[in-house]
Amino acid sequence: MVSRFQKMKMKPLSILLLATMVVSLSGLTGVAYAAEDGATASSGDSLKLLGAGLAFGLAAFGAGIGLGQVGSAGLAVISENPALQSKVFIFVGMVESIAIYGIVMMFIILGQ
């Protein structure tokens, strides 16, 4: 059962998600500009850029959320037992690797 406070908290998040989707989909419509001789751009290039941006953006967004959770839990663990600091750094590194995978995928998409 969702409380009234949670409904109020979810409303701005759903509006932000809807606005993000509208802006993302408006990039698929394309804009016509005058082209120079021999310079033709296909829609594949624009979709590559959109895909690369989404790959990195979503990976960085997910890594940021994960790092917030792991970081707060890690600080709590370190404050109770400082000997576990190295294990906390391993978990933080695992979360950060998600953003690195997103960067790698972005370069793979742009390299094709």
N, C-alpha and C. Protein backbone atom coordinates (compact mmCIF):
# COMPACT_ATOMS: atom_id res chain seq x y z
N MET A 1 0.84 -1.17 0.00
CA MET A 1 0.00 0.00 0.00
C MET A 1 0.89 1.24 0.00
N VAL A 2 0.61 2.15 -0.88
CA VAL A 2 1.41 3.35 -1.03
C VAL A 2 0.79 4.46 -0.19
N SER A 3 1.61 5.08 0.64
CA SER A 3 1.09 6.15 1.49
C SER A 3 0.93 7.44 0.69
N ARG A 4 0.29 8.39 1.29
CA ARG A 4 0.04 9.66 0.62
C ARG A 4 1.34 10.41 0.37
N PHE A 5 2.28 10.33 1.31
CA PHE A 5 3.57 10.99 1.16
C PHE A 5 4.36 10.40 -0.01
N GLN A 6 4.29 9.08 -0.17
CA GLN A 6 5.01 8.45 -1.27
C GLN A 6 4.41 8.83 -2.62
N LYS A 7 3.09 9.00 -2.68
CA LYS A 7 2.45 9.44 -3.92
C LYS A 7 2.91 10.85 -4.28
N MET A 8 3.01 11.73 -3.29
CA MET A 8 3.45 13.09 -3.55
C MET A 8 4.92 13.11 -3.97
N LYS A 9 5.69 12.21 -3.42
CA LYS A 9 7.11 12.15 -3.74
C LYS A 9 7.32 11.58 -5.14
N MET A 10 6.46 10.68 -5.59
CA MET A 10 6.61 10.04 -6.88
C MET A 10 6.15 10.94 -8.02
N LYS A 11 5.28 11.91 -7.76
CA LYS A 11 4.74 12.74 -8.82
C LYS A 11 5.82 13.56 -9.53
N PRO A 12 6.73 14.27 -8.83
CA PRO A 12 7.78 15.00 -9.54
C PRO A 12 8.72 14.07 -10.31
N LEU A 13 8.95 12.88 -9.78
CA LEU A 13 9.81 11.93 -10.46
C LEU A 13 9.18 11.46 -11.76
N SER A 14 7.87 11.21 -11.75
CA SER A 14 7.20 10.78 -12.98
C SER A 14 7.15 11.91 -14.00
N ILE A 15 7.00 13.14 -13.56
CA ILE A 15 7.00 14.28 -14.48
C ILE A 15 8.39 14.45 -15.09
N LEU A 16 9.44 14.27 -14.29
CA LEU A 16 10.81 14.36 -14.80
C LEU A 16 11.09 13.26 -15.81
N LEU A 17 10.62 12.06 -15.54
CA LEU A 17 10.80 10.96 -16.47
C LEU A 17 10.06 11.22 -17.78
N LEU A 18 8.85 11.72 -17.70
CA LEU A 18 8.07 12.02 -18.90
C LEU A 18 8.75 13.12 -19.71
N ALA A 19 9.25 14.16 -19.05
CA ALA A 19 9.94 15.24 -19.76
C ALA A 19 11.20 14.73 -20.43
N THR A 20 11.92 13.84 -19.78
CA THR A 20 13.14 13.27 -20.37
C THR A 20 12.80 12.46 -21.61
N MET A 21 11.73 11.69 -21.54
CA MET A 21 11.33 10.90 -22.70
C MET A 21 10.91 11.79 -23.87
N VAL A 22 10.20 12.88 -23.59
CA VAL A 22 9.77 13.78 -24.65
C VAL A 22 10.97 14.43 -25.32
N VAL A 23 11.93 14.88 -24.53
CA VAL A 23 13.13 15.51 -25.09
C VAL A 23 13.93 14.49 -25.90
N SER A 24 14.04 13.27 -25.41
CA SER A 24 14.79 12.24 -26.13
C SER A 24 14.11 11.89 -27.45
N LEU A 25 12.81 11.75 -27.43
CA LEU A 25 12.10 11.40 -28.66
C LEU A 25 12.05 12.55 -29.65
N SER A 26 12.13 13.78 -29.17
CA SER A 26 12.14 14.91 -30.10
C SER A 26 13.44 14.95 -30.88
N GLY A 27 14.50 14.34 -30.36
CA GLY A 27 15.75 14.27 -31.10
C GLY A 27 15.68 13.31 -32.27
N LEU A 28 14.71 12.41 -32.29
CA LEU A 28 14.56 11.47 -33.39
C LEU A 28 13.88 12.08 -34.61
N THR A 29 13.23 13.23 -34.44
CA THR A 29 12.51 13.81 -35.56
C THR A 29 13.44 14.38 -36.61
N GLY A 30 14.58 14.87 -36.20
CA GLY A 30 15.55 15.42 -37.15
C GLY A 30 15.18 16.84 -37.56
N VAL A 31 16.20 17.60 -37.89
CA VAL A 31 16.03 18.98 -38.31
C VAL A 31 16.69 19.11 -39.66
N ALA A 32 16.05 19.77 -40.60
CA ALA A 32 16.60 19.91 -41.94
C ALA A 32 17.42 21.19 -42.03
N TYR A 33 18.65 21.06 -42.49
CA TYR A 33 19.53 22.19 -42.74
C TYR A 33 20.02 22.10 -44.18
N ALA A 34 20.45 23.21 -44.73
CA ALA A 34 21.01 23.19 -46.07
C ALA A 34 22.34 22.46 -46.03
N ALA A 35 22.54 21.53 -46.94
CA ALA A 35 23.77 20.75 -46.97
C ALA A 35 24.69 21.26 -48.06
N GLU A 36 25.98 21.17 -47.79
CA GLU A 36 26.97 21.55 -48.80
C GLU A 36 27.09 20.42 -49.81
N ASP A 37 27.76 20.71 -50.91
CA ASP A 37 27.94 19.70 -51.94
C ASP A 37 28.78 18.55 -51.40
N GLY A 38 28.31 17.35 -51.57
CA GLY A 38 29.05 16.17 -51.16
C GLY A 38 28.95 15.85 -49.68
N ALA A 39 28.29 16.68 -48.92
CA ALA A 39 28.16 16.44 -47.49
C ALA A 39 26.74 15.97 -47.20
N THR A 40 26.57 14.68 -47.16
CA THR A 40 25.25 14.14 -46.86
C THR A 40 25.32 13.41 -45.53
N ALA A 41 24.40 13.69 -44.69
CA ALA A 41 24.33 13.05 -43.38
C ALA A 41 23.13 12.12 -43.37
N SER A 42 23.35 10.92 -42.94
CA SER A 42 22.24 9.97 -42.87
C SER A 42 21.64 9.99 -41.47
N SER A 43 20.48 9.42 -41.37
CA SER A 43 19.85 9.35 -40.05
C SER A 43 20.56 8.34 -39.16
N GLY A 44 21.36 7.45 -39.79
CA GLY A 44 22.13 6.48 -39.01
C GLY A 44 23.16 7.15 -38.12
N ASP A 45 23.75 8.25 -38.62
CA ASP A 45 24.73 8.97 -37.81
C ASP A 45 24.09 9.60 -36.58
N SER A 46 22.92 10.17 -36.77
CA SER A 46 22.26 10.80 -35.63
C SER A 46 21.78 9.75 -34.63
N LEU A 47 21.37 8.59 -35.13
CA LEU A 47 20.96 7.53 -34.22
C LEU A 47 22.16 6.94 -33.48
N LYS A 48 23.33 6.95 -34.13
CA LYS A 48 24.55 6.52 -33.45
C LYS A 48 24.87 7.44 -32.28
N LEU A 49 24.76 8.73 -32.53
CA LEU A 49 25.04 9.70 -31.46
C LEU A 49 24.02 9.56 -30.33
N LEU A 50 22.77 9.36 -30.69
CA LEU A 50 21.74 9.18 -29.67
C LEU A 50 21.98 7.91 -28.86
N GLY A 51 22.32 6.83 -29.54
CA GLY A 51 22.60 5.58 -28.84
C GLY A 51 23.82 5.67 -27.95
N ALA A 52 24.87 6.34 -28.43
CA ALA A 52 26.08 6.50 -27.61
C ALA A 52 25.79 7.36 -26.38
N GLY A 53 25.02 8.40 -26.58
CA GLY A 53 24.67 9.25 -25.45
C GLY A 53 23.82 8.53 -24.42
N LEU A 54 22.87 7.74 -24.90
CA LEU A 54 22.03 6.96 -23.98
C LEU A 54 22.84 5.90 -23.25
N ALA A 55 23.78 5.26 -23.98
CA ALA A 55 24.60 4.22 -23.35
C ALA A 55 25.41 4.79 -22.20
N PHE A 56 26.05 5.92 -22.45
CA PHE A 56 26.87 6.50 -21.38
C PHE A 56 26.01 7.15 -20.31
N GLY A 57 24.96 7.86 -20.72
CA GLY A 57 24.12 8.56 -19.75
C GLY A 57 23.42 7.63 -18.78
N LEU A 58 22.84 6.56 -19.30
CA LEU A 58 22.13 5.63 -18.42
C LEU A 58 23.10 4.86 -17.53
N ALA A 59 24.28 4.52 -18.07
CA ALA A 59 25.27 3.83 -17.25
C ALA A 59 25.77 4.74 -16.12
N ALA A 60 26.00 6.01 -16.44
CA ALA A 60 26.46 6.95 -15.41
C ALA A 60 25.35 7.20 -14.39
N PHE A 61 24.11 7.27 -14.84
CA PHE A 61 22.99 7.47 -13.92
C PHE A 61 22.86 6.29 -12.96
N GLY A 62 22.93 5.08 -13.51
CA GLY A 62 22.85 3.89 -12.66
C GLY A 62 24.01 3.78 -11.71
N ALA A 63 25.21 4.13 -12.19
CA ALA A 63 26.38 4.08 -11.31
C ALA A 63 26.27 5.12 -10.20
N GLY A 64 25.70 6.27 -10.52
CA GLY A 64 25.53 7.30 -9.49
C GLY A 64 24.56 6.87 -8.40
N ILE A 65 23.47 6.24 -8.80
CA ILE A 65 22.52 5.73 -7.81
C ILE A 65 23.16 4.63 -6.97
N GLY A 66 23.85 3.71 -7.64
CA GLY A 66 24.50 2.62 -6.92
C GLY A 66 25.58 3.11 -5.99
N LEU A 67 26.34 4.12 -6.45
CA LEU A 67 27.41 4.66 -5.61
C LEU A 67 26.85 5.35 -4.38
N GLY A 68 25.71 5.98 -4.51
CA GLY A 68 25.08 6.59 -3.35
C GLY A 68 24.70 5.56 -2.30
N GLN A 69 24.15 4.45 -2.75
CA GLN A 69 23.76 3.39 -1.82
C GLN A 69 24.98 2.71 -1.19
N VAL A 70 25.94 2.34 -2.05
CA VAL A 70 27.13 1.65 -1.55
C VAL A 70 27.98 2.58 -0.69
N GLY A 71 28.07 3.84 -1.09
CA GLY A 71 28.88 4.78 -0.32
C GLY A 71 28.33 5.03 1.07
N SER A 72 27.03 5.19 1.17
CA SER A 72 26.44 5.43 2.50
C SER A 72 26.57 4.20 3.39
N ALA A 73 26.34 3.02 2.81
CA ALA A 73 26.49 1.80 3.60
C ALA A 73 27.95 1.57 3.96
N GLY A 74 28.84 1.90 3.02
CA GLY A 74 30.27 1.73 3.29
C GLY A 74 30.77 2.64 4.40
N LEU A 75 30.29 3.87 4.43
CA LEU A 75 30.69 4.77 5.51
C LEU A 75 30.18 4.28 6.86
N ALA A 76 29.01 3.70 6.87
CA ALA A 76 28.48 3.15 8.12
C ALA A 76 29.33 1.97 8.58
N VAL A 77 29.76 1.13 7.65
CA VAL A 77 30.59 -0.02 8.01
C VAL A 77 31.95 0.44 8.51
N ILE A 78 32.55 1.42 7.83
CA ILE A 78 33.87 1.90 8.23
C ILE A 78 33.82 2.57 9.59
N SER A 79 32.73 3.26 9.89
CA SER A 79 32.63 3.91 11.20
C SER A 79 32.52 2.89 12.33
N GLU A 80 31.94 1.72 12.03
CA GLU A 80 31.84 0.68 13.06
C GLU A 80 33.10 -0.17 13.14
N ASN A 81 33.69 -0.49 11.98
CA ASN A 81 34.86 -1.35 11.97
C ASN A 81 35.82 -0.86 10.89
N PRO A 82 36.82 -0.05 11.24
CA PRO A 82 37.74 0.50 10.24
C PRO A 82 38.57 -0.55 9.52
N ALA A 83 38.64 -1.76 10.03
CA ALA A 83 39.42 -2.81 9.37
C ALA A 83 38.78 -3.26 8.06
N LEU A 84 37.52 -2.96 7.86
CA LEU A 84 36.81 -3.38 6.64
C LEU A 84 36.89 -2.34 5.52
N GLN A 85 37.76 -1.36 5.66
CA GLN A 85 37.85 -0.28 4.69
C GLN A 85 38.23 -0.80 3.30
N SER A 86 39.13 -1.75 3.22
CA SER A 86 39.55 -2.25 1.91
C SER A 86 38.41 -2.97 1.20
N LYS A 87 37.57 -3.68 1.94
CA LYS A 87 36.43 -4.36 1.31
C LYS A 87 35.41 -3.35 0.79
N VAL A 88 35.25 -2.25 1.49
CA VAL A 88 34.32 -1.21 1.04
C VAL A 88 34.83 -0.61 -0.26
N PHE A 89 36.15 -0.39 -0.37
CA PHE A 89 36.70 0.17 -1.60
C PHE A 89 36.51 -0.78 -2.78
N ILE A 90 36.55 -2.08 -2.52
CA ILE A 90 36.31 -3.06 -3.58
C ILE A 90 34.88 -2.93 -4.10
N PHE A 91 33.91 -2.80 -3.18
CA PHE A 91 32.52 -2.66 -3.61
C PHE A 91 32.29 -1.34 -4.35
N VAL A 92 32.93 -0.28 -3.91
CA VAL A 92 32.80 1.01 -4.60
C VAL A 92 33.38 0.90 -6.01
N GLY A 93 34.51 0.21 -6.14
CA GLY A 93 35.10 0.01 -7.46
C GLY A 93 34.22 -0.81 -8.38
N MET A 94 33.52 -1.78 -7.82
CA MET A 94 32.61 -2.59 -8.63
C MET A 94 31.46 -1.74 -9.17
N VAL A 95 30.97 -0.83 -8.36
CA VAL A 95 29.89 0.04 -8.81
C VAL A 95 30.41 1.03 -9.87
N GLU A 96 31.61 1.55 -9.67
CA GLU A 96 32.18 2.49 -10.64
C GLU A 96 32.46 1.83 -11.98
N SER A 97 32.67 0.52 -11.98
CA SER A 97 32.96 -0.16 -13.24
C SER A 97 31.76 -0.11 -14.18
N ILE A 98 30.58 0.06 -13.66
CA ILE A 98 29.39 0.17 -14.52
C ILE A 98 29.50 1.40 -15.41
N ALA A 99 29.96 2.51 -14.87
CA ALA A 99 30.14 3.72 -15.67
C ALA A 99 31.24 3.53 -16.70
N ILE A 100 32.29 2.80 -16.33
CA ILE A 100 33.37 2.53 -17.28
C ILE A 100 32.86 1.67 -18.43
N TYR A 101 32.02 0.69 -18.14
CA TYR A 101 31.43 -0.12 -19.21
C TYR A 101 30.58 0.75 -20.14
N GLY A 102 29.90 1.72 -19.59
CA GLY A 102 29.11 2.64 -20.41
C GLY A 102 29.98 3.47 -21.34
N ILE A 103 31.14 3.92 -20.84
CA ILE A 103 32.07 4.68 -21.69
C ILE A 103 32.60 3.79 -22.81
N VAL A 104 32.95 2.55 -22.47
CA VAL A 104 33.45 1.62 -23.48
C VAL A 104 32.40 1.38 -24.55
N MET A 105 31.16 1.17 -24.15
CA MET A 105 30.09 0.95 -25.13
C MET A 105 29.87 2.19 -25.99
N MET A 106 30.01 3.37 -25.41
CA MET A 106 29.87 4.60 -26.17
C MET A 106 30.93 4.66 -27.27
N PHE A 107 32.17 4.34 -26.94
CA PHE A 107 33.22 4.38 -27.95
C PHE A 107 33.04 3.27 -28.99
N ILE A 108 32.52 2.13 -28.60
CA ILE A 108 32.26 1.06 -29.58
C ILE A 108 31.17 1.51 -30.55
N ILE A 109 30.12 2.13 -30.04
CA ILE A 109 29.03 2.60 -30.92
C ILE A 109 29.53 3.69 -31.85
N LEU A 110 30.31 4.63 -31.34
CA LEU A 110 30.79 5.73 -32.17
C LEU A 110 31.85 5.26 -33.17
N GLY A 111 32.54 4.18 -32.87
CA GLY A 111 33.58 3.69 -33.77
C GLY A 111 33.06 2.92 -34.96
N GLN A 112 31.82 2.56 -34.99
CA GLN A 112 31.27 1.78 -36.11
C GLN A 112 30.96 2.65 -37.30
